[in-house]
């Protein structure tokens, strides 16, 4: 009985991996085993950094809120505490946007919680 190797599926797997490695430098882009290692590592970094991105943005929003709040004599933690106390439905992302791009609206929010 002849050996069956299913070359259609194997070629598809190789093509898929090399397509993911497109644009990599040197043998990382065209040698299957090297490309496979590089792609797997890259996908791991992508998974990890999708989580890290959320942390980084939250940190950035807090810094922007803090800078805006300190101009009005308050810290960001005080501001967030008072916002939660008064049940104002603004999250950190929208507050940071107000602090950066609409300082008058941000001042109105601060005045409403003081």
Protein backbone atom coordinates (compact mmCIF):
# COMPACT_ATOMS: atom_id res chain seq x y z
CA UNK A 1 0.00 0.00 0.00
CA UNK A 2 1.48 3.38 -0.96
CA UNK A 3 2.29 5.97 1.68
CA UNK A 4 -0.23 8.79 2.00
CA UNK A 5 1.26 12.15 2.95
CA UNK A 6 -1.64 14.57 2.31
CA UNK A 7 0.59 17.14 0.66
CA UNK A 8 -2.35 19.47 0.03
CA UNK A 9 -2.90 20.06 3.74
CA UNK A 10 0.82 20.22 4.57
CA UNK A 11 1.43 22.80 1.85
CA UNK A 12 -1.52 24.83 3.11
CA UNK A 13 -0.08 24.79 6.65
CA UNK A 14 3.34 25.90 5.39
CA UNK A 15 1.83 28.64 3.22
CA UNK A 16 -0.26 29.91 6.12
CA UNK A 17 2.78 30.13 8.39
CA UNK A 18 4.96 31.81 5.76
CA UNK A 19 2.17 34.27 4.98
CA UNK A 20 2.12 35.27 8.67
CA UNK A 21 5.91 35.74 8.48
CA UNK A 22 5.73 38.01 5.44
CA UNK A 23 8.00 41.03 5.77
CA UNK A 24 10.31 39.49 8.36
CA UNK A 25 14.05 39.93 7.86
CA UNK A 26 16.21 37.23 6.29
CA UNK A 27 15.40 33.58 6.88
CA UNK A 28 12.64 34.53 9.32
CA UNK A 29 10.48 35.28 6.31
CA UNK A 30 11.18 32.28 4.09
CA UNK A 31 12.50 29.28 6.08
CA UNK A 32 9.61 27.38 7.59
CA UNK A 33 11.12 26.34 10.93
CA UNK A 34 12.61 29.78 11.65
CA UNK A 35 9.44 31.53 10.49
CA UNK A 36 7.30 29.27 12.67
CA UNK A 37 9.31 30.10 15.80
CA UNK A 38 9.23 33.82 15.05
CA UNK A 39 5.50 33.88 14.26
CA UNK A 40 4.62 31.93 17.41
CA UNK A 41 6.68 34.31 19.54
CA UNK A 42 5.09 37.30 17.81
CA UNK A 43 1.59 35.96 18.39
CA UNK A 44 2.46 35.45 22.05
CA UNK A 45 3.60 39.06 22.33
CA UNK A 46 0.44 40.22 20.55
CA UNK A 47 -1.76 38.34 23.04
CA UNK A 48 0.19 39.70 26.02
CA UNK A 49 0.22 43.25 24.75
CA UNK A 50 -3.50 43.38 24.02
CA UNK A 51 -3.87 43.09 27.82
CA UNK A 52 -1.00 45.52 28.53
CA UNK A 53 -2.51 48.11 26.18
CA UNK A 54 -5.60 48.35 28.41
CA UNK A 55 -3.39 48.94 31.48
CA UNK A 56 -1.32 51.55 29.65
CA UNK A 57 -4.33 53.51 28.50
CA UNK A 58 -5.94 53.46 31.94
CA UNK A 59 -2.67 54.79 33.38
CA UNK A 60 -2.57 57.54 30.73
CA UNK A 61 -6.17 58.55 31.48
CA UNK A 62 -5.43 58.79 35.20
CA UNK A 63 -2.41 61.01 34.53
CA UNK A 64 -4.46 63.32 32.32
CA UNK A 65 -7.30 63.52 34.84
CA UNK A 66 -4.79 64.23 37.60
CA UNK A 67 -3.16 67.04 35.60
CA UNK A 68 -6.56 68.58 34.85
CA UNK A 69 -7.82 68.21 38.41
CA UNK A 70 -4.70 69.73 39.98
CA UNK A 71 -5.27 72.90 37.96
CA UNK A 72 -8.46 73.25 40.00
CA UNK A 73 -6.91 72.35 43.35
CA UNK A 74 -7.90 68.69 43.56
CA UNK A 75 -6.18 65.34 43.03
CA UNK A 76 -7.49 62.69 40.67
CA UNK A 77 -8.25 60.28 43.51
CA UNK A 78 -10.30 62.95 45.31
CA UNK A 79 -12.12 63.75 42.08
CA UNK A 80 -12.92 60.10 41.32
CA UNK A 81 -14.11 59.56 44.89
CA UNK A 82 -16.49 62.51 44.68
CA UNK A 83 -17.70 61.48 41.23
CA UNK A 84 -18.60 58.02 42.52
CA UNK A 85 -20.19 59.58 45.63
CA UNK A 86 -22.44 61.83 43.53
CA UNK A 87 -23.23 58.99 41.07
CA UNK A 88 -21.98 60.92 38.03
CA UNK A 89 -21.75 58.41 35.20
CA UNK A 90 -18.43 59.48 33.70
CA UNK A 91 -15.63 56.97 33.28
CA UNK A 92 -11.91 57.71 33.26
CA UNK A 93 -11.69 57.61 29.47
CA UNK A 94 -14.33 60.30 28.97
CA UNK A 95 -12.99 62.40 31.87
CA UNK A 96 -9.50 62.31 30.37
CA UNK A 97 -10.90 63.39 27.01
CA UNK A 98 -12.71 66.30 28.69
CA UNK A 99 -9.56 67.29 30.59
CA UNK A 100 -7.47 67.32 27.39
CA UNK A 101 -9.82 68.65 24.74
CA UNK A 102 -12.65 70.44 26.56
CA UNK A 103 -11.25 72.17 29.67
CA UNK A 104 -14.44 74.22 30.21
CA UNK A 105 -16.58 71.07 30.37
CA UNK A 106 -14.04 69.46 32.71
CA UNK A 107 -14.19 72.53 34.97
CA UNK A 108 -18.00 72.21 35.00
CA UNK A 109 -17.66 68.58 36.16
CA UNK A 110 -15.26 69.63 38.93
CA UNK A 111 -17.56 72.44 40.03
CA UNK A 112 -20.49 70.03 40.18
CA UNK A 113 -18.66 67.68 42.57
CA UNK A 114 -17.11 70.35 44.84
